[in-house]
Amino acid sequence: MIWDTPPQRSRRGRALFGCALAALLVLPGLADAQGSKVDVLHIGTSGSLTEGQGAGKETAALESLRAFIKDETGLRNEIIRQKDWRDLADKMAKGKMHLGVFQGYEFAWAKEKHPDLKPLALGINVYRYPMAYVVTRRDNAARDFAGLKGQSFSLPVTPEGYLRLFAERQSQANGKKLTAFFAQVASPTNLEDALDDVVDGKVQATVVDRAALEAYKRRKPGRFKQLKPVAQSQPFPPGIVAYYGSVLDEATLQRFRQGLLEACRKERGQMMLTLFRLTGFDQVPDDFAKVLAETRKAYPPTSESGSTARKD
């Protein structure tokens, strides 16, 4: 548990969308399953590239990335946010998207419907499998999530959708929707600010990930000691760059995968990792299918389960 372990690496992950695109820098060209060159690479995302940053900044980020890829590779590309994970998976299955970027739990849901959907690489934020923690002040009487009923809460507006998923499902397990379980729900845009707000008494609890807590413990050890966890999730699968069947040929997939894995070793790749708050990409481990199955069991999709869309 984080309160009993020394700090690890401190960089936090935002989302893997941009860095995945940066990997295109190492690719001389792309070909489809029939061997013909792909003139326009279609990349779908199940959610926002810059959650919480506003439509203007997201548009600017997309334009910047498109221009960046075109300038460095000569490859035209389209980065298209889909309605949700279902829509993205369906379009990939129909060959309308060459690659897709999913939240890890979304990929677990999508793969059950589309067995030929496969992970290309995992976007890592310090830990291979992230976990969500609900924390409050040490002097708060609550000993578990149920004890927070009627208190104030903050749900940081970040692309880490599993934080919202965990808080929502914990609330539902206690018989209420999130906004009904808590007296009020604030939306800070920074995980460190969310923790500061709890220490300062602006809100009574928040949800953050393990990497954020490690960074907070290192940067502000005195304030960290004023916090305690009242709930933590099982490990979630991380963000995933995925492909479907033979939409792209194996040689192309291998080059793309290698570019992702080596991004942290290149100056431009390091810049992109920093921009999107990732520590790197990882190969798919042997226990990945097990983690997906455990995620589906603990967090089955509902009719309202979109990507990271806010439901409250």
Protein backbone atom coordinates (compact mmCIF):
# COMPACT_ATOMS: atom_id res chain seq x y z
CA MET A 1 0.00 0.00 0.00
CA ILE A 2 1.22 3.46 -0.82
CA TRP A 3 1.26 4.66 2.78
CA ASP A 4 3.74 1.88 3.61
CA THR A 5 6.03 1.99 0.57
CA PRO A 6 8.79 4.40 -0.51
CA PRO A 7 8.12 6.84 -3.34
CA GLN A 8 8.61 5.62 -6.88
CA ARG A 9 9.11 7.63 -10.05
CA SER A 10 7.16 10.83 -9.83
CA ARG A 11 5.96 11.71 -13.35
CA ARG A 12 2.24 11.31 -13.82
CA GLY A 13 0.42 10.21 -16.98
CA ARG A 14 -2.20 12.27 -18.77
CA ALA A 15 -3.28 10.16 -21.74
CA LEU A 16 -1.53 8.10 -24.37
CA PHE A 17 -3.13 9.66 -27.45
CA GLY A 18 -0.42 12.14 -28.38
CA CYS A 19 2.51 9.90 -27.62
CA ALA A 20 1.04 7.12 -29.71
CA LEU A 21 0.98 9.53 -32.60
CA ALA A 22 4.56 10.56 -31.91
CA ALA A 23 5.58 6.99 -32.64
CA LEU A 24 4.69 7.65 -36.26
CA LEU A 25 7.97 9.54 -36.51
CA VAL A 26 9.84 6.29 -36.80
CA LEU A 27 7.62 4.86 -39.54
CA PRO A 28 8.69 5.35 -43.14
CA GLY A 29 5.21 4.47 -44.39
CA LEU A 30 2.14 2.39 -43.62
CA ALA A 31 0.53 -0.39 -45.58
CA ASP A 32 -2.82 -2.08 -45.25
CA ALA A 33 -3.41 -5.83 -45.08
CA GLN A 34 -3.28 -6.13 -48.88
CA GLY A 35 0.11 -4.40 -49.01
CA SER A 36 -1.02 -1.15 -50.57
CA LYS A 37 0.16 2.06 -49.00
CA VAL A 38 -2.22 3.79 -46.61
CA ASP A 39 -2.45 7.38 -47.79
CA VAL A 40 -4.34 8.60 -44.72
CA LEU A 41 -3.94 6.96 -41.34
CA HIS A 42 -7.24 6.90 -39.47
CA ILE A 43 -6.83 6.93 -35.68
CA GLY A 44 -9.89 6.81 -33.47
CA THR A 45 -10.09 7.78 -29.82
CA SER A 46 -12.83 6.84 -27.39
CA GLY A 47 -12.57 10.11 -25.47
CA SER A 48 -11.07 13.56 -25.28
CA LEU A 49 -7.42 14.16 -26.02
CA THR A 50 -7.24 16.94 -23.43
CA GLU A 51 -10.02 16.29 -20.91
CA GLY A 52 -10.84 19.40 -18.92
CA GLN A 53 -8.84 21.77 -21.13
CA GLY A 54 -11.74 23.13 -23.17
CA ALA A 55 -12.79 22.67 -26.79
CA GLY A 56 -10.47 25.40 -28.07
CA LYS A 57 -7.36 23.83 -26.60
CA GLU A 58 -8.34 20.37 -27.79
CA THR A 59 -8.82 21.67 -31.33
CA ALA A 60 -5.44 23.40 -31.20
CA ALA A 61 -3.81 20.23 -29.87
CA LEU A 62 -5.28 18.15 -32.67
CA GLU A 63 -4.16 20.60 -35.34
CA SER A 64 -0.69 20.71 -33.86
CA LEU A 65 -0.41 16.93 -33.83
CA ARG A 66 -1.67 16.59 -37.39
CA ALA A 67 0.85 19.15 -38.61
CA PHE A 68 3.59 17.54 -36.55
CA ILE A 69 3.03 14.12 -38.12
CA LYS A 70 2.75 15.55 -41.62
CA ASP A 71 5.95 17.61 -41.28
CA GLU A 72 8.02 14.75 -39.89
CA THR A 73 6.70 11.84 -41.96
CA GLY A 74 4.86 13.28 -44.95
CA LEU A 75 1.93 11.12 -43.88
CA ARG A 76 -1.55 12.60 -43.85
CA ASN A 77 -3.62 11.56 -40.85
CA GLU A 78 -6.99 11.94 -39.23
CA ILE A 79 -7.42 11.79 -35.47
CA ILE A 80 -11.10 11.38 -34.81
CA ARG A 81 -12.85 11.32 -31.48
CA GLN A 82 -15.62 8.74 -31.63
CA LYS A 83 -18.95 8.78 -29.82
CA ASP A 84 -17.74 6.22 -27.28
CA TRP A 85 -15.78 2.97 -26.96
CA ARG A 86 -18.57 0.97 -28.60
CA ASP A 87 -18.56 3.17 -31.68
CA LEU A 88 -14.76 3.05 -31.93
CA ALA A 89 -14.64 -0.75 -31.62
CA ASP A 90 -17.39 -1.21 -34.20
CA LYS A 91 -15.63 1.05 -36.70
CA MET A 92 -12.33 -0.75 -36.18
CA ALA A 93 -14.07 -4.07 -36.79
CA LYS A 94 -15.42 -2.69 -40.08
CA GLY A 95 -11.97 -1.47 -41.13
CA LYS A 96 -12.90 2.20 -40.89
CA MET A 97 -10.18 2.91 -38.32
CA HIS A 98 -6.59 1.67 -38.55
CA LEU A 99 -5.83 2.15 -34.87
CA GLY A 100 -7.81 2.93 -31.74
CA VAL A 101 -6.98 4.43 -28.36
CA PHE A 102 -9.03 3.15 -25.43
CA GLN A 103 -9.22 3.54 -21.70
CA GLY A 104 -8.09 0.18 -20.31
CA TYR A 105 -11.48 -0.78 -18.87
CA GLU A 106 -13.15 0.21 -22.16
CA PHE A 107 -10.84 -2.16 -24.00
CA ALA A 108 -11.83 -4.93 -21.58
CA TRP A 109 -15.48 -4.31 -22.44
CA ALA A 110 -14.90 -3.96 -26.18
CA LYS A 111 -12.81 -7.12 -26.50
CA GLU A 112 -15.62 -9.23 -25.09
CA LYS A 113 -17.78 -8.20 -28.07
CA HIS A 114 -14.90 -8.10 -30.57
CA PRO A 115 -12.41 -10.93 -29.83
CA ASP A 116 -10.22 -9.88 -32.77
CA LEU A 117 -9.55 -6.51 -31.12
CA LYS A 118 -5.95 -6.69 -29.92
CA PRO A 119 -3.64 -4.53 -27.79
CA LEU A 120 -0.61 -3.14 -29.59
CA ALA A 121 1.03 -1.48 -26.59
CA LEU A 122 0.16 -0.23 -23.12
CA GLY A 123 0.53 3.43 -22.11
CA ILE A 124 2.24 3.42 -18.72
CA ASN A 125 2.02 6.01 -15.97
CA VAL A 126 4.77 4.81 -13.60
CA TYR A 127 2.87 1.59 -12.82
CA ARG A 128 1.77 -0.96 -15.39
CA TYR A 129 -1.61 -1.39 -13.73
CA PRO A 130 -3.00 1.80 -12.15
CA MET A 131 -5.22 1.81 -9.07
CA ALA A 132 -7.68 4.40 -7.79
CA TYR A 133 -7.60 5.64 -4.19
CA VAL A 134 -10.32 7.54 -2.35
CA VAL A 135 -8.64 9.63 0.35
CA THR A 136 -9.75 11.96 3.10
CA ARG A 137 -8.15 13.80 5.99
CA ARG A 138 -6.72 11.60 8.71
CA ASP A 139 -9.04 13.21 11.28
CA ASN A 140 -12.15 12.33 9.24
CA ALA A 141 -14.30 9.77 11.07
CA ALA A 142 -14.98 7.79 7.87
CA ARG A 143 -13.30 4.41 7.74
CA ASP A 144 -14.61 3.30 4.37
CA PHE A 145 -16.38 4.71 1.33
CA ALA A 146 -19.79 4.30 2.94
CA GLY A 147 -18.64 6.56 5.76
CA LEU A 148 -18.29 9.46 3.32
CA LYS A 149 -22.02 9.62 2.60
CA GLY A 150 -23.32 13.19 2.71
CA GLN A 151 -19.82 14.70 2.71
CA SER A 152 -18.22 16.84 0.00
CA PHE A 153 -16.14 15.21 -2.70
CA SER A 154 -13.96 16.18 -5.63
CA LEU A 155 -13.65 14.25 -8.87
CA PRO A 156 -10.65 15.61 -10.81
CA VAL A 157 -11.33 16.33 -14.47
CA THR A 158 -8.58 14.24 -16.05
CA PRO A 159 -8.42 11.68 -18.86
CA GLU A 160 -7.91 8.89 -16.29
CA GLY A 161 -11.46 7.62 -16.65
CA TYR A 162 -11.03 4.78 -14.18
CA LEU A 163 -11.07 7.36 -11.34
CA ARG A 164 -14.62 8.35 -12.23
CA LEU A 165 -15.61 4.72 -12.86
CA PHE A 166 -14.38 3.64 -9.42
CA ALA A 167 -16.09 6.53 -7.60
CA GLU A 168 -19.34 6.01 -9.50
CA ARG A 169 -19.47 2.26 -8.88
CA GLN A 170 -18.61 2.72 -5.19
CA SER A 171 -21.49 5.18 -4.87
CA GLN A 172 -23.85 2.79 -6.66
CA ALA A 173 -22.79 -0.05 -4.38
CA ASN A 174 -24.02 2.15 -1.53
CA GLY A 175 -27.38 2.70 -3.18
CA LYS A 176 -26.91 6.16 -4.71
CA LYS A 177 -25.61 7.87 -7.81
CA LEU A 178 -22.42 9.83 -7.27
CA THR A 179 -24.09 13.24 -7.03
CA ALA A 180 -26.74 11.91 -4.67
CA PHE A 181 -24.29 10.05 -2.44
CA PHE A 182 -22.21 13.18 -1.81
CA ALA A 183 -23.50 16.54 -0.62
CA GLN A 184 -21.53 18.25 -3.41
CA VAL A 185 -19.02 17.23 -6.06
CA ALA A 186 -16.24 19.61 -7.12
CA SER A 187 -14.21 19.25 -10.32
CA PRO A 188 -10.57 20.33 -9.92
CA THR A 189 -8.43 20.06 -13.05
CA ASN A 190 -5.26 19.00 -11.25
CA LEU A 191 -4.70 15.91 -9.11
CA GLU A 192 -2.31 17.68 -6.76
CA ASP A 193 -4.81 20.48 -6.27
CA ALA A 194 -7.45 17.86 -5.45
CA LEU A 195 -5.25 16.51 -2.67
CA ASP A 196 -4.42 20.00 -1.42
CA ASP A 197 -8.13 20.78 -1.24
CA VAL A 198 -8.68 17.80 1.06
CA VAL A 199 -5.79 18.76 3.34
CA ASP A 200 -7.04 22.37 3.46
CA GLY A 201 -10.60 21.29 4.24
CA LYS A 202 -12.12 22.70 1.04
CA VAL A 203 -13.58 19.26 0.33
CA GLN A 204 -13.71 16.21 2.55
CA ALA A 205 -12.55 13.53 0.10
CA THR A 206 -11.24 12.98 -3.41
CA VAL A 207 -10.16 10.20 -5.76
CA VAL A 208 -6.69 10.02 -7.32
CA ASP A 209 -4.37 7.38 -8.70
CA ARG A 210 -1.38 5.72 -7.13
CA ALA A 211 1.13 7.67 -9.19
CA ALA A 212 -0.40 10.97 -8.04
CA LEU A 213 -0.16 9.88 -4.42
CA GLU A 214 3.48 8.86 -4.85
CA ALA A 215 4.28 12.26 -6.33
CA TYR A 216 2.39 14.04 -3.54
CA LYS A 217 4.17 12.01 -0.87
CA ARG A 218 7.53 12.96 -2.36
CA ARG A 219 6.75 16.63 -2.96
CA LYS A 220 4.72 17.39 0.16
CA PRO A 221 5.47 14.75 2.82
CA GLY A 222 4.04 16.81 5.67
CA ARG A 223 0.72 17.32 3.94
CA PHE A 224 0.66 13.70 2.78
CA LYS A 225 0.76 12.57 6.42
CA GLN A 226 -2.53 14.37 6.99
CA LEU A 227 -4.29 12.06 4.53
CA LYS A 228 -5.63 8.53 4.79
CA PRO A 229 -7.18 6.10 2.28
CA VAL A 230 -10.71 4.84 2.84
CA ALA A 231 -11.06 2.84 -0.37
CA GLN A 232 -8.85 1.54 -3.16
CA SER A 233 -9.56 -0.28 -6.37
CA GLN A 234 -8.15 -3.46 -7.76
CA PRO A 235 -5.60 -2.92 -10.55
CA PHE A 236 -7.06 -1.52 -13.76
CA PRO A 237 -5.65 -2.15 -17.23
CA PRO A 238 -3.87 1.00 -18.45
CA GLY A 239 -4.65 3.01 -21.56
CA ILE A 240 -4.23 0.97 -24.72
CA VAL A 241 -3.30 1.50 -28.35
CA ALA A 242 -5.20 -1.23 -30.19
CA TYR A 243 -5.66 -2.69 -33.66
CA TYR A 244 -8.17 -5.06 -35.20
CA GLY A 245 -7.42 -8.33 -36.97
CA SER A 246 -5.50 -7.82 -40.21
CA VAL A 247 -6.59 -4.26 -40.98
CA LEU A 248 -2.87 -3.39 -40.93
CA ASP A 249 -0.18 -5.88 -41.94
CA GLU A 250 2.10 -7.48 -39.34
CA ALA A 251 5.25 -5.65 -40.48
CA THR A 252 3.54 -2.28 -40.11
CA LEU A 253 2.19 -3.20 -36.68
CA GLN A 254 5.63 -4.31 -35.54
CA ARG A 255 7.24 -1.05 -36.68
CA PHE A 256 4.55 0.96 -34.96
CA ARG A 257 4.86 -1.08 -31.76
CA GLN A 258 8.62 -0.67 -31.74
CA GLY A 259 8.24 3.06 -32.19
CA LEU A 260 6.00 3.23 -29.13
CA LEU A 261 8.36 1.17 -27.01
CA GLU A 262 11.37 3.27 -27.97
CA ALA A 263 9.69 6.68 -27.65
CA CYS A 264 11.27 7.31 -24.25
CA ARG A 265 14.76 6.90 -25.76
CA LYS A 266 14.34 9.63 -28.34
CA GLU A 267 14.46 13.33 -27.57
CA ARG A 268 11.25 14.09 -29.44
CA GLY A 269 9.59 11.04 -27.91
CA GLN A 270 10.57 12.20 -24.42
CA MET A 271 9.00 15.58 -25.13
CA MET A 272 5.76 13.94 -26.15
CA LEU A 273 5.77 11.67 -23.10
CA THR A 274 6.21 14.69 -20.86
CA LEU A 275 3.49 16.64 -22.64
CA PHE A 276 0.98 13.85 -22.17
CA ARG A 277 2.27 12.83 -18.73
CA LEU A 278 3.32 9.30 -19.55
CA THR A 279 6.45 7.52 -18.40
CA GLY A 280 6.52 5.21 -21.41
CA PHE A 281 4.92 2.35 -23.32
CA ASP A 282 5.11 -1.32 -22.45
CA GLN A 283 4.72 -4.69 -24.10
CA VAL A 284 1.54 -6.63 -23.37
CA PRO A 285 2.36 -8.84 -20.34
CA ASP A 286 1.38 -12.47 -19.81
CA ASP A 287 -1.22 -11.65 -17.15
CA PHE A 288 -3.02 -9.05 -19.26
CA ALA A 289 -5.96 -11.28 -20.25
CA LYS A 290 -6.50 -12.09 -16.57
CA VAL A 291 -6.60 -8.40 -15.63
CA LEU A 292 -9.11 -7.74 -18.43
CA ALA A 293 -11.34 -10.56 -17.20
CA GLU A 294 -11.17 -9.34 -13.60
CA THR A 295 -12.03 -5.82 -14.74
CA ARG A 296 -15.07 -7.02 -16.69
CA LYS A 297 -16.24 -9.00 -13.66
CA ALA A 298 -15.83 -6.16 -11.17
CA TYR A 299 -16.94 -3.36 -13.51
CA PRO A 300 -19.34 -4.73 -16.12
CA PRO A 301 -20.48 -2.21 -18.73
CA THR A 302 -23.94 -0.74 -18.38
CA SER A 303 -26.27 0.71 -21.00
CA GLU A 304 -25.00 4.14 -19.93
CA SER A 305 -21.30 3.24 -19.95
CA GLY A 306 -19.70 5.61 -22.43
CA SER A 307 -16.00 6.50 -22.51
CA THR A 308 -15.05 9.23 -20.08
CA ALA A 309 -18.22 11.23 -20.65
CA ARG A 310 -19.63 12.89 -17.56
CA LYS A 311 -22.99 11.49 -16.51
CA ASP A 312 -23.82 13.71 -13.58
